[in-house]
């Protein structure tokens, strides 16, 4: 049951455009606050921040060209969803 709930929450978070040419956004369309962490390919946390309900976070000039991994967490710290973000020149 929890997996279905996590999928429903994950479907409410948009990371776009992906791939991006340097200006990417993370939008929390969920009714509660969430957290996002963005990692480089070796696992170093580059960005870790709270996303309030209905907030959009701009990533302009915060990430150089490359492959990044991101994880969406509940405020209690449970990992809800993980995927990749591509930044291209």
C-alpha atoms as a PDB file:
ATOM      1  CA  UNK A   1       0.000   0.000   0.000  1.00  0.00           C
ATOM      2  CA  UNK A   2       2.833   2.414   0.825  1.00  0.00           C
ATOM      3  CA  UNK A   3       4.369   1.989  -2.648  1.00  0.00           C
ATOM      4  CA  UNK A   4       1.106   3.104  -4.289  1.00  0.00           C
ATOM      5  CA  UNK A   5       0.984   6.112  -1.975  1.00  0.00           C
ATOM      6  CA  UNK A   6       4.577   7.035  -2.851  1.00  0.00           C
ATOM      7  CA  UNK A   7       3.811   6.796  -6.577  1.00  0.00           C
ATOM      8  CA  UNK A   8       0.855   9.127  -6.119  1.00  0.00           C
ATOM      9  CA  UNK A   9       3.061  11.662  -4.332  1.00  0.00           C
ATOM     10  CA  UNK A  10       5.876  11.298  -6.882  1.00  0.00           C
ATOM     11  CA  UNK A  11       3.430  11.963  -9.720  1.00  0.00           C
ATOM     12  CA  UNK A  12       2.769  15.374  -8.144  1.00  0.00           C
ATOM     13  CA  UNK A  13       6.421  16.477  -8.403  1.00  0.00           C
ATOM     14  CA  UNK A  14       7.702  17.757 -11.745  1.00  0.00           C
ATOM     15  CA  UNK A  15      11.374  18.164 -12.681  1.00  0.00           C
ATOM     16  CA  UNK A  16      11.467  19.992 -15.991  1.00  0.00           C
ATOM     17  CA  UNK A  17      12.696  20.384 -18.615  1.00  0.00           C
ATOM     18  CA  UNK A  18      14.695  17.197 -18.544  1.00  0.00           C
ATOM     19  CA  UNK A  19      17.118  17.298 -20.243  1.00  0.00           C
ATOM     20  CA  UNK A  20      17.745  20.965 -19.523  1.00  0.00           C
ATOM     21  CA  UNK A  21      20.112  23.492 -21.053  1.00  0.00           C
ATOM     22  CA  UNK A  22      20.922  24.940 -17.624  1.00  0.00           C
ATOM     23  CA  UNK A  23      17.592  26.270 -16.413  1.00  0.00           C
ATOM     24  CA  UNK A  24      15.652  23.514 -14.662  1.00  0.00           C
ATOM     25  CA  UNK A  25      12.746  23.665 -12.237  1.00  0.00           C
ATOM     26  CA  UNK A  26      11.370  21.420  -9.527  1.00  0.00           C
ATOM     27  CA  UNK A  27       7.668  21.963  -8.846  1.00  0.00           C
ATOM     28  CA  UNK A  28       5.885  20.468  -5.855  1.00  0.00           C
ATOM     29  CA  UNK A  29       2.220  20.066  -6.800  1.00  0.00           C
ATOM     30  CA  UNK A  30       1.583  17.942  -3.724  1.00  0.00           C
ATOM     31  CA  UNK A  31      -0.492  19.249  -0.808  1.00  0.00           C
ATOM     32  CA  UNK A  32       2.347  18.820   1.706  1.00  0.00           C
ATOM     33  CA  UNK A  33       5.969  19.881   1.994  1.00  0.00           C
ATOM     34  CA  UNK A  34       8.608  17.573   0.526  1.00  0.00           C
ATOM     35  CA  UNK A  35      12.400  17.540   0.427  1.00  0.00           C
ATOM     36  CA  UNK A  36      14.662  17.085  -2.590  1.00  0.00           C
ATOM     37  CA  UNK A  37      18.312  16.157  -2.719  1.00  0.00           C
ATOM     38  CA  UNK A  38      20.355  16.352  -5.913  1.00  0.00           C
ATOM     39  CA  UNK A  39      23.539  14.292  -6.145  1.00  0.00           C
ATOM     40  CA  UNK A  40      26.445  14.078  -8.562  1.00  0.00           C
ATOM     41  CA  UNK A  41      27.153  10.628 -10.088  1.00  0.00           C
ATOM     42  CA  UNK A  42      29.463   9.617  -7.218  1.00  0.00           C
ATOM     43  CA  UNK A  43      26.829  10.395  -4.588  1.00  0.00           C
ATOM     44  CA  UNK A  44      27.932  13.784  -3.268  1.00  0.00           C
ATOM     45  CA  UNK A  45      24.941  15.907  -2.232  1.00  0.00           C
ATOM     46  CA  UNK A  46      25.001  19.150  -4.234  1.00  0.00           C
ATOM     47  CA  UNK A  47      21.594  20.548  -3.301  1.00  0.00           C
ATOM     48  CA  UNK A  48      19.313  19.543  -0.460  1.00  0.00           C
ATOM     49  CA  UNK A  49      16.288  21.684   0.227  1.00  0.00           C
ATOM     50  CA  UNK A  50      12.708  21.760   1.403  1.00  0.00           C
ATOM     51  CA  UNK A  51       9.978  22.184  -1.218  1.00  0.00           C
ATOM     52  CA  UNK A  52       6.908  23.706   0.335  1.00  0.00           C
ATOM     53  CA  UNK A  53       3.507  22.705  -1.040  1.00  0.00           C
ATOM     54  CA  UNK A  54       2.893  24.368  -4.427  1.00  0.00           C
ATOM     55  CA  UNK A  55       6.452  25.791  -4.528  1.00  0.00           C
ATOM     56  CA  UNK A  56       8.651  25.881  -7.627  1.00  0.00           C
ATOM     57  CA  UNK A  57      12.431  25.781  -7.180  1.00  0.00           C
ATOM     58  CA  UNK A  58      14.623  27.176  -9.969  1.00  0.00           C
ATOM     59  CA  UNK A  59      18.003  25.545 -10.501  1.00  0.00           C
ATOM     60  CA  UNK A  60      19.468  28.182 -12.831  1.00  0.00           C
ATOM     61  CA  UNK A  61      23.259  28.328 -12.648  1.00  0.00           C
ATOM     62  CA  UNK A  62      23.335  25.881  -9.732  1.00  0.00           C
ATOM     63  CA  UNK A  63      24.314  22.852 -11.822  1.00  0.00           C
ATOM     64  CA  UNK A  64      26.846  22.618 -14.636  1.00  0.00           C
ATOM     65  CA  UNK A  65      26.457  20.299 -17.623  1.00  0.00           C
ATOM     66  CA  UNK A  66      26.280  16.658 -16.612  1.00  0.00           C
ATOM     67  CA  UNK A  67      24.207  13.838 -15.198  1.00  0.00           C
ATOM     68  CA  UNK A  68      22.650  14.217 -11.761  1.00  0.00           C
ATOM     69  CA  UNK A  69      20.541  11.970  -9.581  1.00  0.00           C
ATOM     70  CA  UNK A  70      17.745  13.294  -7.439  1.00  0.00           C
ATOM     71  CA  UNK A  71      15.630  11.856  -4.659  1.00  0.00           C
ATOM     72  CA  UNK A  72      12.332  13.186  -3.344  1.00  0.00           C
ATOM     73  CA  UNK A  73      11.787  12.643   0.383  1.00  0.00           C
ATOM     74  CA  UNK A  74       8.810  13.042   2.681  1.00  0.00           C
ATOM     75  CA  UNK A  75       9.341  15.485   5.548  1.00  0.00           C
ATOM     76  CA  UNK A  76       9.841  12.440   7.795  1.00  0.00           C
ATOM     77  CA  UNK A  77      12.852  11.446   5.647  1.00  0.00           C
ATOM     78  CA  UNK A  78      11.322   8.540   3.736  1.00  0.00           C
ATOM     79  CA  UNK A  79      12.601   8.284   0.156  1.00  0.00           C
ATOM     80  CA  UNK A  80       9.594   8.539  -2.153  1.00  0.00           C
ATOM     81  CA  UNK A  81      11.064   8.700  -5.644  1.00  0.00           C
ATOM     82  CA  UNK A  82      14.455   8.810  -7.347  1.00  0.00           C
ATOM     83  CA  UNK A  83      15.409   9.611 -10.933  1.00  0.00           C
ATOM     84  CA  UNK A  84      17.967  11.350 -13.158  1.00  0.00           C
ATOM     85  CA  UNK A  85      18.356  14.931 -14.334  1.00  0.00           C
ATOM     86  CA  UNK A  86      20.425  15.781 -17.398  1.00  0.00           C
ATOM     87  CA  UNK A  87      21.943  19.247 -17.841  1.00  0.00           C
ATOM     88  CA  UNK A  88      23.346  19.840 -21.323  1.00  0.00           C
ATOM     89  CA  UNK A  89      25.328  22.737 -22.788  1.00  0.00           C
END
